[in-house]
């Protein structure tokens, strides 16, 4: 059986090459659906291999989910299946002043800072799921709903 999606891993227990399997139960699916404003999340799982170098941890794996999103035009539910690879870098919080700006490069975009004792693996994977979703899902009735709302085509509206 897999771990829960609320998992925060103590860094001291992570061994290079550890495999983690996360499987969301029904309550977690409902909570994640609410958090991401989805009509439903019927399944969510992730599998990751961990690499550790001191306080730096890399999680590489795959996230899979069955969700429903709302059509941006009609609001009707649209089924979506997610099956995406991920690579997350967990690094200690950088030293510096709390309000000081930190410059991140392109290679740092999947970097999550941690407190030095645990990595928020489950929470970070929920964020990864959010990034995998279609930002503008459209159902089969989207064109009709847009036309009814006065939209002729992208960027063109019916005259009033």
C-alpha atoms as a PDB file:
ATOM      1  CA  UNK A   1       0.000   0.000   0.000  1.00  0.00           C
ATOM      2  CA  UNK A   2       1.192   3.489  -0.791  1.00  0.00           C
ATOM      3  CA  UNK A   3       1.752   6.478   1.440  1.00  0.00           C
ATOM      4  CA  UNK A   4      -0.799   9.282   1.852  1.00  0.00           C
ATOM      5  CA  UNK A   5      -0.694  12.445  -0.253  1.00  0.00           C
ATOM      6  CA  UNK A   6      -0.296  14.535   2.885  1.00  0.00           C
ATOM      7  CA  UNK A   7       3.171  13.000   3.244  1.00  0.00           C
ATOM      8  CA  UNK A   8       6.003  15.181   4.519  1.00  0.00           C
ATOM      9  CA  UNK A   9       9.181  13.104   4.528  1.00  0.00           C
ATOM     10  CA  UNK A  10      11.780  13.571   7.268  1.00  0.00           C
ATOM     11  CA  UNK A  11      15.037  14.207   5.393  1.00  0.00           C
ATOM     12  CA  UNK A  12      17.066  12.143   7.866  1.00  0.00           C
ATOM     13  CA  UNK A  13      15.101   8.994   6.881  1.00  0.00           C
ATOM     14  CA  UNK A  14      15.590   9.371   3.115  1.00  0.00           C
ATOM     15  CA  UNK A  15      18.122   7.026   1.583  1.00  0.00           C
ATOM     16  CA  UNK A  16      19.487   7.501  -1.923  1.00  0.00           C
ATOM     17  CA  UNK A  17      17.441   5.224  -4.202  1.00  0.00           C
ATOM     18  CA  UNK A  18      14.331   5.051  -1.996  1.00  0.00           C
ATOM     19  CA  UNK A  19      11.080   4.508  -3.884  1.00  0.00           C
ATOM     20  CA  UNK A  20       7.890   6.160  -2.653  1.00  0.00           C
ATOM     21  CA  UNK A  21       4.406   5.254  -3.867  1.00  0.00           C
ATOM     22  CA  UNK A  22       1.660   7.732  -2.998  1.00  0.00           C
ATOM     23  CA  UNK A  23      -2.001   6.815  -3.418  1.00  0.00           C
ATOM     24  CA  UNK A  24      -4.793   9.227  -2.516  1.00  0.00           C
ATOM     25  CA  UNK A  25      -7.782   7.718  -0.705  1.00  0.00           C
ATOM     26  CA  UNK A  26     -11.357   8.947  -1.318  1.00  0.00           C
ATOM     27  CA  UNK A  27     -11.159  11.699   1.334  1.00  0.00           C
ATOM     28  CA  UNK A  28      -7.830  12.977   0.009  1.00  0.00           C
ATOM     29  CA  UNK A  29      -9.212  12.941  -3.562  1.00  0.00           C
ATOM     30  CA  UNK A  30     -12.169  15.057  -2.401  1.00  0.00           C
ATOM     31  CA  UNK A  31      -9.885  17.452  -0.478  1.00  0.00           C
ATOM     32  CA  UNK A  32      -7.522  17.803  -3.454  1.00  0.00           C
ATOM     33  CA  UNK A  33     -10.495  18.380  -5.782  1.00  0.00           C
ATOM     34  CA  UNK A  34     -11.717  21.177  -3.504  1.00  0.00           C
ATOM     35  CA  UNK A  35      -8.248  22.704  -3.263  1.00  0.00           C
ATOM     36  CA  UNK A  36      -7.842  22.723  -7.063  1.00  0.00           C
ATOM     37  CA  UNK A  37     -11.473  23.758  -7.723  1.00  0.00           C
ATOM     38  CA  UNK A  38     -12.213  20.550  -9.652  1.00  0.00           C
ATOM     39  CA  UNK A  39     -15.670  18.935  -9.776  1.00  0.00           C
ATOM     40  CA  UNK A  40     -14.021  15.614  -8.896  1.00  0.00           C
ATOM     41  CA  UNK A  41     -10.784  13.714  -8.496  1.00  0.00           C
ATOM     42  CA  UNK A  42     -11.549  10.006  -8.752  1.00  0.00           C
ATOM     43  CA  UNK A  43      -7.975   8.707  -8.646  1.00  0.00           C
ATOM     44  CA  UNK A  44      -4.542  10.128  -7.893  1.00  0.00           C
ATOM     45  CA  UNK A  45      -1.250   8.328  -7.498  1.00  0.00           C
ATOM     46  CA  UNK A  46       2.423   9.105  -7.870  1.00  0.00           C
ATOM     47  CA  UNK A  47       5.562   7.014  -7.895  1.00  0.00           C
ATOM     48  CA  UNK A  48       8.951   8.575  -7.187  1.00  0.00           C
ATOM     49  CA  UNK A  49      12.585   7.580  -6.859  1.00  0.00           C
ATOM     50  CA  UNK A  50      14.475   9.724  -4.376  1.00  0.00           C
ATOM     51  CA  UNK A  51      18.072  10.849  -4.533  1.00  0.00           C
ATOM     52  CA  UNK A  52      19.638  12.547  -1.544  1.00  0.00           C
ATOM     53  CA  UNK A  53      22.838  14.537  -1.230  1.00  0.00           C
ATOM     54  CA  UNK A  54      22.949  16.026   2.275  1.00  0.00           C
ATOM     55  CA  UNK A  55      19.978  18.389   2.531  1.00  0.00           C
ATOM     56  CA  UNK A  56      19.283  18.279  -1.208  1.00  0.00           C
ATOM     57  CA  UNK A  57      16.672  15.771  -2.350  1.00  0.00           C
ATOM     58  CA  UNK A  58      15.540  15.026  -5.898  1.00  0.00           C
ATOM     59  CA  UNK A  59      12.266  13.214  -6.568  1.00  0.00           C
ATOM     60  CA  UNK A  60      11.815  11.814 -10.086  1.00  0.00           C
ATOM     61  CA  UNK A  61       8.775   9.890 -11.126  1.00  0.00           C
ATOM     62  CA  UNK A  62       5.307   9.887 -12.603  1.00  0.00           C
ATOM     63  CA  UNK A  63       1.978  11.320 -11.493  1.00  0.00           C
ATOM     64  CA  UNK A  64      -1.318   9.830 -12.692  1.00  0.00           C
ATOM     65  CA  UNK A  65      -4.823  11.118 -12.057  1.00  0.00           C
ATOM     66  CA  UNK A  66      -8.407  10.842 -13.240  1.00  0.00           C
ATOM     67  CA  UNK A  67     -10.199  14.139 -12.730  1.00  0.00           C
ATOM     68  CA  UNK A  68     -13.084  16.223 -13.973  1.00  0.00           C
ATOM     69  CA  UNK A  69     -12.544  19.849 -14.917  1.00  0.00           C
ATOM     70  CA  UNK A  70     -15.231  22.430 -15.653  1.00  0.00           C
ATOM     71  CA  UNK A  71     -15.593  23.695 -19.229  1.00  0.00           C
ATOM     72  CA  UNK A  72     -14.615  27.380 -19.284  1.00  0.00           C
ATOM     73  CA  UNK A  73     -17.619  28.235 -21.473  1.00  0.00           C
ATOM     74  CA  UNK A  74     -20.475  25.995 -20.343  1.00  0.00           C
ATOM     75  CA  UNK A  75     -19.335  24.886 -16.886  1.00  0.00           C
ATOM     76  CA  UNK A  76     -20.103  21.256 -17.759  1.00  0.00           C
ATOM     77  CA  UNK A  77     -17.720  18.611 -16.355  1.00  0.00           C
ATOM     78  CA  UNK A  78     -15.018  17.279 -18.674  1.00  0.00           C
ATOM     79  CA  UNK A  79     -13.121  14.077 -17.894  1.00  0.00           C
ATOM     80  CA  UNK A  80      -9.325  14.393 -17.982  1.00  0.00           C
ATOM     81  CA  UNK A  81      -6.632  11.792 -17.460  1.00  0.00           C
ATOM     82  CA  UNK A  82      -3.193  12.937 -16.358  1.00  0.00           C
ATOM     83  CA  UNK A  83      -0.104  10.772 -16.837  1.00  0.00           C
ATOM     84  CA  UNK A  84       3.006  12.947 -16.628  1.00  0.00           C
ATOM     85  CA  UNK A  85       6.639  12.584 -15.571  1.00  0.00           C
ATOM     86  CA  UNK A  86       8.012  14.985 -12.955  1.00  0.00           C
ATOM     87  CA  UNK A  87      11.323  15.953 -11.407  1.00  0.00           C
ATOM     88  CA  UNK A  88      11.275  18.025  -8.230  1.00  0.00           C
ATOM     89  CA  UNK A  89      14.297  19.497  -6.469  1.00  0.00           C
ATOM     90  CA  UNK A  90      14.028  20.053  -2.707  1.00  0.00           C
ATOM     91  CA  UNK A  91      16.675  22.416  -1.346  1.00  0.00           C
ATOM     92  CA  UNK A  92      17.286  24.019   2.062  1.00  0.00           C
ATOM     93  CA  UNK A  93      15.817  27.485   2.454  1.00  0.00           C
ATOM     94  CA  UNK A  94      18.513  29.913   1.226  1.00  0.00           C
ATOM     95  CA  UNK A  95      20.252  32.031   3.818  1.00  0.00           C
ATOM     96  CA  UNK A  96      19.420  35.679   3.698  1.00  0.00           C
ATOM     97  CA  UNK A  97      16.995  38.243   4.957  1.00  0.00           C
ATOM     98  CA  UNK A  98      13.290  37.260   4.874  1.00  0.00           C
ATOM     99  CA  UNK A  99      12.309  40.040   2.445  1.00  0.00           C
ATOM    100  CA  UNK A 100      15.414  39.728   0.265  1.00  0.00           C
ATOM    101  CA  UNK A 101      14.798  38.810  -3.391  1.00  0.00           C
ATOM    102  CA  UNK A 102      16.167  35.477  -4.602  1.00  0.00           C
ATOM    103  CA  UNK A 103      17.059  35.110  -8.276  1.00  0.00           C
ATOM    104  CA  UNK A 104      15.911  31.796  -9.804  1.00  0.00           C
ATOM    105  CA  UNK A 105      17.072  30.556 -13.192  1.00  0.00           C
ATOM    106  CA  UNK A 106      15.235  28.228 -15.591  1.00  0.00           C
ATOM    107  CA  UNK A 107      16.819  25.158 -13.977  1.00  0.00           C
ATOM    108  CA  UNK A 108      15.437  26.249 -10.589  1.00  0.00           C
ATOM    109  CA  UNK A 109      11.767  26.364 -11.615  1.00  0.00           C
ATOM    110  CA  UNK A 110      10.922  22.980 -10.072  1.00  0.00           C
ATOM    111  CA  UNK A 111      12.800  23.769  -6.870  1.00  0.00           C
ATOM    112  CA  UNK A 112      10.952  23.649  -3.580  1.00  0.00           C
ATOM    113  CA  UNK A 113      12.658  25.050  -0.505  1.00  0.00           C
ATOM    114  CA  UNK A 114      12.368  23.126   2.755  1.00  0.00           C
ATOM    115  CA  UNK A 115      12.900  23.862   6.444  1.00  0.00           C
ATOM    116  CA  UNK A 116      15.881  21.528   6.841  1.00  0.00           C
ATOM    117  CA  UNK A 117      13.958  18.718   8.514  1.00  0.00           C
ATOM    118  CA  UNK A 118      11.218  17.568   6.089  1.00  0.00           C
ATOM    119  CA  UNK A 119      10.292  17.805   2.419  1.00  0.00           C
ATOM    120  CA  UNK A 120       6.628  18.416   1.513  1.00  0.00           C
ATOM    121  CA  UNK A 121       6.506  15.675  -1.135  1.00  0.00           C
ATOM    122  CA  UNK A 122       2.733  15.131  -1.138  1.00  0.00           C
ATOM    123  CA  UNK A 123       1.860  18.835  -1.226  1.00  0.00           C
ATOM    124  CA  UNK A 124       4.420  19.430  -3.989  1.00  0.00           C
ATOM    125  CA  UNK A 125       2.868  16.649  -6.067  1.00  0.00           C
ATOM    126  CA  UNK A 126      -0.582  18.208  -5.704  1.00  0.00           C
ATOM    127  CA  UNK A 127       0.959  21.442  -7.028  1.00  0.00           C
ATOM    128  CA  UNK A 128       2.470  19.402  -9.883  1.00  0.00           C
ATOM    129  CA  UNK A 129      -0.980  17.988 -10.686  1.00  0.00           C
ATOM    130  CA  UNK A 130      -2.373  21.538 -10.832  1.00  0.00           C
ATOM    131  CA  UNK A 131       0.293  22.474 -13.397  1.00  0.00           C
ATOM    132  CA  UNK A 132      -0.616  19.424 -15.532  1.00  0.00           C
ATOM    133  CA  UNK A 133      -4.282  20.453 -15.889  1.00  0.00           C
ATOM    134  CA  UNK A 134      -5.622  22.149 -19.007  1.00  0.00           C
ATOM    135  CA  UNK A 135      -5.932  25.823 -17.993  1.00  0.00           C
ATOM    136  CA  UNK A 136      -8.859  26.388 -20.424  1.00  0.00           C
ATOM    137  CA  UNK A 137     -10.759  23.112 -20.760  1.00  0.00           C
ATOM    138  CA  UNK A 138     -13.521  23.138 -23.366  1.00  0.00           C
ATOM    139  CA  UNK A 139     -16.344  20.640 -23.596  1.00  0.00           C
ATOM    140  CA  UNK A 140     -18.368  19.659 -26.661  1.00  0.00           C
ATOM    141  CA  UNK A 141     -20.944  22.407 -25.961  1.00  0.00           C
ATOM    142  CA  UNK A 142     -18.394  25.201 -25.501  1.00  0.00           C
ATOM    143  CA  UNK A 143     -18.922  26.799 -28.916  1.00  0.00           C
ATOM    144  CA  UNK A 144     -22.707  26.925 -28.426  1.00  0.00           C
ATOM    145  CA  UNK A 145     -22.324  28.391 -24.915  1.00  0.00           C
ATOM    146  CA  UNK A 146     -19.915  31.052 -26.203  1.00  0.00           C
ATOM    147  CA  UNK A 147     -22.217  31.930 -29.122  1.00  0.00           C
ATOM    148  CA  UNK A 148     -25.171  32.215 -26.738  1.00  0.00           C
ATOM    149  CA  UNK A 149     -23.069  34.579 -24.610  1.00  0.00           C
ATOM    150  CA  UNK A 150     -22.445  36.774 -27.690  1.00  0.00           C
ATOM    151  CA  UNK A 151     -18.999  35.547 -28.746  1.00  0.00           C
ATOM    152  CA  UNK A 152     -18.667  34.963 -32.525  1.00  0.00           C
ATOM    153  CA  UNK A 153     -15.093  33.691 -32.345  1.00  0.00           C
ATOM    154  CA  UNK A 154     -11.979  34.260 -30.283  1.00  0.00           C
ATOM    155  CA  UNK A 155     -11.662  38.011 -29.856  1.00  0.00           C
ATOM    156  CA  UNK A 156     -14.932  38.852 -31.708  1.00  0.00           C
ATOM    157  CA  UNK A 157     -18.222  39.614 -30.006  1.00  0.00           C
ATOM    158  CA  UNK A 158     -21.708  40.097 -31.417  1.00  0.00           C
ATOM    159  CA  UNK A 159     -22.588  43.773 -31.840  1.00  0.00           C
ATOM    160  CA  UNK A 160     -24.933  45.151 -29.190  1.00  0.00           C
END
